[in-house]
Amino acid sequence: MKELLQVNPLGYQPGGTPLLHNINLTLNEGQFTLITGPSGRGKCRELR
């Protein structure tokens, strides 16, 4: 499969509080990936 996007490592610390640490993400052509979670928890922020 053709790799479309690769992100590693990724972290998120709003106000100095670690919420995500050392996240790795690879998206391949033809692959469907869903990121879920409660509203306001940084899902879209990590993709920007």
PDB file of N, CA and C in Angstrom:
ATOM      1  N   MET A   1       0.824  -1.191   0.000  1.00  0.00           N
ATOM      2  CA  MET A   1       0.000   0.000   0.000  1.00  0.00           C
ATOM      3  C   MET A   1       0.865   1.251   0.000  1.00  0.00           C
ATOM      4  N   LYS A   2       0.367   2.278  -0.643  1.00  0.00           N
ATOM      5  CA  LYS A   2       1.076   3.551  -0.701  1.00  0.00           C
ATOM      6  C   LYS A   2       0.820   4.337   0.593  1.00  0.00           C
ATOM      7  N   GLU A   3       1.878   4.791   1.231  1.00  0.00           N
ATOM      8  CA  GLU A   3       1.773   5.568   2.462  1.00  0.00           C
ATOM      9  C   GLU A   3       1.419   7.009   2.113  1.00  0.00           C
ATOM     10  N   LEU A   4       0.330   7.519   2.702  1.00  0.00           N
ATOM     11  CA  LEU A   4      -0.114   8.884   2.431  1.00  0.00           C
ATOM     12  C   LEU A   4       0.334   9.876   3.491  1.00  0.00           C
ATOM     13  N   LEU A   5       0.413   9.422   4.739  1.00  0.00           N
ATOM     14  CA  LEU A   5       0.783  10.304   5.841  1.00  0.00           C
ATOM     15  C   LEU A   5       1.447   9.493   6.942  1.00  0.00           C
ATOM     16  N   GLN A   6       2.532  10.032   7.479  1.00  0.00           N
ATOM     17  CA  GLN A   6       3.175   9.401   8.632  1.00  0.00           C
ATOM     18  C   GLN A   6       3.530  10.496   9.635  1.00  0.00           C
ATOM     19  N   VAL A   7       3.107  10.316  10.880  1.00  0.00           N
ATOM     20  CA  VAL A   7       3.380  11.258  11.956  1.00  0.00           C
ATOM     21  C   VAL A   7       3.966  10.469  13.120  1.00  0.00           C
ATOM     22  N   ASN A   8       5.133  10.868  13.608  1.00  0.00           N
ATOM     23  CA  ASN A   8       5.716  10.248  14.796  1.00  0.00           C
ATOM     24  C   ASN A   8       6.916  11.042  15.270  1.00  0.00           C
ATOM     25  N   PRO A   9       7.171  11.132  16.518  1.00  0.00           N
ATOM     26  CA  PRO A   9       6.214  10.977  17.600  1.00  0.00           C
ATOM     27  C   PRO A   9       5.415  12.256  17.770  1.00  0.00           C
ATOM     28  N   LEU A  10       4.232  12.136  18.301  1.00  0.00           N
ATOM     29  CA  LEU A  10       3.317  13.261  18.474  1.00  0.00           C
ATOM     30  C   LEU A  10       2.937  13.343  19.944  1.00  0.00           C
ATOM     31  N   GLY A  11       2.848  14.555  20.474  1.00  0.00           N
ATOM     32  CA  GLY A  11       2.444  14.749  21.859  1.00  0.00           C
ATOM     33  C   GLY A  11       1.607  16.006  21.993  1.00  0.00           C
ATOM     34  N   TYR A  12       0.895  16.110  23.101  1.00  0.00           N
ATOM     35  CA  TYR A  12       0.033  17.267  23.342  1.00  0.00           C
ATOM     36  C   TYR A  12       0.008  17.545  24.839  1.00  0.00           C
ATOM     37  N   GLN A  13       0.360  18.799  25.228  1.00  0.00           N
ATOM     38  CA  GLN A  13       0.422  19.175  26.641  1.00  0.00           C
ATOM     39  C   GLN A  13      -0.235  20.531  26.840  1.00  0.00           C
ATOM     40  N   PRO A  14      -1.563  20.589  26.907  1.00  0.00           N
ATOM     41  CA  PRO A  14      -2.216  21.891  27.131  1.00  0.00           C
ATOM     42  C   PRO A  14      -1.950  22.387  28.550  1.00  0.00           C
ATOM     43  N   GLY A  15      -1.439  23.595  28.671  1.00  0.00           N
ATOM     44  CA  GLY A  15      -1.154  24.153  29.987  1.00  0.00           C
ATOM     45  C   GLY A  15      -0.102  23.382  30.758  1.00  0.00           C
ATOM     46  N   GLY A  16       0.744  22.616  30.053  1.00  0.00           N
ATOM     47  CA  GLY A  16       1.789  21.850  30.711  1.00  0.00           C
ATOM     48  C   GLY A  16       1.348  20.497  31.248  1.00  0.00           C
ATOM     49  N   THR A  17       0.068  20.140  31.036  1.00  0.00           N
ATOM     50  CA  THR A  17      -0.442  18.846  31.487  1.00  0.00           C
ATOM     51  C   THR A  17      -0.377  17.844  30.340  1.00  0.00           C
ATOM     52  N   PRO A  18       0.466  16.823  30.417  1.00  0.00           N
ATOM     53  CA  PRO A  18       0.575  15.851  29.319  1.00  0.00           C
ATOM     54  C   PRO A  18      -0.718  15.055  29.132  1.00  0.00           C
ATOM     55  N   LEU A  19      -1.278  15.125  27.922  1.00  0.00           N
ATOM     56  CA  LEU A  19      -2.461  14.332  27.591  1.00  0.00           C
ATOM     57  C   LEU A  19      -2.133  13.220  26.603  1.00  0.00           C
ATOM     58  N   LEU A  20      -1.270  13.520  25.650  1.00  0.00           N
ATOM     59  CA  LEU A  20      -0.833  12.521  24.674  1.00  0.00           C
ATOM     60  C   LEU A  20       0.692  12.523  24.651  1.00  0.00           C
ATOM     61  N   HIS A  21       1.278  11.329  24.552  1.00  0.00           N
ATOM     62  CA  HIS A  21       2.741  11.231  24.557  1.00  0.00           C
ATOM     63  C   HIS A  21       3.174  10.118  23.610  1.00  0.00           C
ATOM     64  N   ASN A  22       4.094  10.444  22.709  1.00  0.00           N
ATOM     65  CA  ASN A  22       4.709   9.456  21.815  1.00  0.00           C
ATOM     66  C   ASN A  22       3.682   8.694  20.963  1.00  0.00           C
ATOM     67  N   ILE A  23       2.764   9.435  20.345  1.00  0.00           N
ATOM     68  CA  ILE A  23       1.753   8.841  19.463  1.00  0.00           C
ATOM     69  C   ILE A  23       2.340   8.711  18.060  1.00  0.00           C
ATOM     70  N   ASN A  24       2.175   7.551  17.438  1.00  0.00           N
ATOM     71  CA  ASN A  24       2.606   7.304  16.064  1.00  0.00           C
ATOM     72  C   ASN A  24       1.379   7.007  15.215  1.00  0.00           C
ATOM     73  N   LEU A  25       1.328   7.596  14.015  1.00  0.00           N
ATOM     74  CA  LEU A  25       0.184   7.423  13.134  1.00  0.00           C
ATOM     75  C   LEU A  25       0.671   7.290  11.697  1.00  0.00           C
ATOM     76  N   THR A  26       0.225   6.256  11.012  1.00  0.00           N
ATOM     77  CA  THR A  26       0.505   6.075   9.592  1.00  0.00           C
ATOM     78  C   THR A  26      -0.807   5.806   8.877  1.00  0.00           C
ATOM     79  N   LEU A  27      -1.093   6.593   7.836  1.00  0.00           N
ATOM     80  CA  LEU A  27      -2.290   6.400   7.024  1.00  0.00           C
ATOM     81  C   LEU A  27      -1.868   5.943   5.635  1.00  0.00           C
ATOM     82  N   ASN A  28      -2.443   4.839   5.192  1.00  0.00           N
ATOM     83  CA  ASN A  28      -2.134   4.281   3.881  1.00  0.00           C
ATOM     84  C   ASN A  28      -3.297   4.471   2.923  1.00  0.00           C
ATOM     85  N   GLU A  29      -2.986   4.491   1.654  1.00  0.00           N
ATOM     86  CA  GLU A  29      -3.990   4.604   0.606  1.00  0.00           C
ATOM     87  C   GLU A  29      -5.009   3.473   0.753  1.00  0.00           C
ATOM     88  N   GLY A  30      -6.298   3.819   0.683  1.00  0.00           N
ATOM     89  CA  GLY A  30      -7.355   2.827   0.790  1.00  0.00           C
ATOM     90  C   GLY A  30      -7.710   2.438   2.207  1.00  0.00           C
ATOM     91  N   GLN A  31      -7.033   3.001   3.186  1.00  0.00           N
ATOM     92  CA  GLN A  31      -7.269   2.674   4.589  1.00  0.00           C
ATOM     93  C   GLN A  31      -8.233   3.690   5.194  1.00  0.00           C
ATOM     94  N   PHE A  32      -9.138   3.234   6.036  1.00  0.00           N
ATOM     95  CA  PHE A  32     -10.070   4.100   6.743  1.00  0.00           C
ATOM     96  C   PHE A  32      -9.689   4.086   8.217  1.00  0.00           C
ATOM     97  N   THR A  33      -9.464   5.266   8.788  1.00  0.00           N
ATOM     98  CA  THR A  33      -9.080   5.379  10.193  1.00  0.00           C
ATOM     99  C   THR A  33     -10.019   6.351  10.876  1.00  0.00           C
ATOM    100  N   LEU A  34     -10.505   5.983  12.051  1.00  0.00           N
ATOM    101  CA  LEU A  34     -11.428   6.802  12.819  1.00  0.00           C
ATOM    102  C   LEU A  34     -10.788   7.165  14.153  1.00  0.00           C
ATOM    103  N   ILE A  35     -10.800   8.459  14.466  1.00  0.00           N
ATOM    104  CA  ILE A  35     -10.298   8.933  15.752  1.00  0.00           C
ATOM    105  C   ILE A  35     -11.506   9.415  16.536  1.00  0.00           C
ATOM    106  N   THR A  36     -11.767   8.798  17.683  1.00  0.00           N
ATOM    107  CA  THR A  36     -12.954   9.140  18.475  1.00  0.00           C
ATOM    108  C   THR A  36     -12.563   9.591  19.871  1.00  0.00           C
ATOM    109  N   GLY A  37     -13.490  10.258  20.525  1.00  0.00           N
ATOM    110  CA  GLY A  37     -13.295  10.681  21.898  1.00  0.00           C
ATOM    111  C   GLY A  37     -14.262  11.782  22.249  1.00  0.00           C
ATOM    112  N   PRO A  38     -14.310  12.156  23.511  1.00  0.00           N
ATOM    113  CA  PRO A  38     -15.229  13.197  23.960  1.00  0.00           C
ATOM    114  C   PRO A  38     -14.935  14.549  23.306  1.00  0.00           C
ATOM    115  N   SER A  39     -15.948  15.366  23.219  1.00  0.00           N
ATOM    116  CA  SER A  39     -15.816  16.707  22.662  1.00  0.00           C
ATOM    117  C   SER A  39     -14.822  17.532  23.478  1.00  0.00           C
ATOM    118  N   GLY A  40     -13.997  18.297  22.768  1.00  0.00           N
ATOM    119  CA  GLY A  40     -13.060  19.193  23.436  1.00  0.00           C
ATOM    120  C   GLY A  40     -11.806  18.534  23.970  1.00  0.00           C
ATOM    121  N   ARG A  41     -11.453  17.351  23.491  1.00  0.00           N
ATOM    122  CA  ARG A  41     -10.295  16.641  24.016  1.00  0.00           C
ATOM    123  C   ARG A  41      -9.079  16.657  23.090  1.00  0.00           C
ATOM    124  N   GLY A  42      -9.100  17.456  22.003  1.00  0.00           N
ATOM    125  CA  GLY A  42      -7.900  17.646  21.197  1.00  0.00           C
ATOM    126  C   GLY A  42      -7.761  16.779  19.960  1.00  0.00           C
ATOM    127  N   LYS A  43      -8.831  16.113  19.518  1.00  0.00           N
ATOM    128  CA  LYS A  43      -8.724  15.253  18.329  1.00  0.00           C
ATOM    129  C   LYS A  43      -8.372  16.071  17.092  1.00  0.00           C
ATOM    130  N   CYS A  44      -9.091  17.135  16.848  1.00  0.00           N
ATOM    131  CA  CYS A  44      -8.820  17.981  15.672  1.00  0.00           C
ATOM    132  C   CYS A  44      -7.520  18.744  15.822  1.00  0.00           C
ATOM    133  N   ARG A  45      -7.212  19.161  17.016  1.00  0.00           N
ATOM    134  CA  ARG A  45      -5.966  19.909  17.260  1.00  0.00           C
ATOM    135  C   ARG A  45      -4.757  19.090  16.838  1.00  0.00           C
ATOM    136  N   GLU A  46      -4.778  17.792  17.106  1.00  0.00           N
ATOM    137  CA  GLU A  46      -3.655  16.933  16.751  1.00  0.00           C
ATOM    138  C   GLU A  46      -3.509  16.757  15.239  1.00  0.00           C
ATOM    139  N   LEU A  47      -4.585  16.919  14.505  1.00  0.00           N
ATOM    140  CA  LEU A  47      -4.533  16.748  13.056  1.00  0.00           C
ATOM    141  C   LEU A  47      -4.178  18.030  12.321  1.00  0.00           C
ATOM    142  N   ARG A  48      -4.170  19.143  13.021  1.00  0.00           N
ATOM    143  CA  ARG A  48      -3.850  20.436  12.369  1.00  0.00           C
ATOM    144  C   ARG A  48      -2.381  20.586  12.138  1.00  0.00           C
TER     145      ARG A  48
END
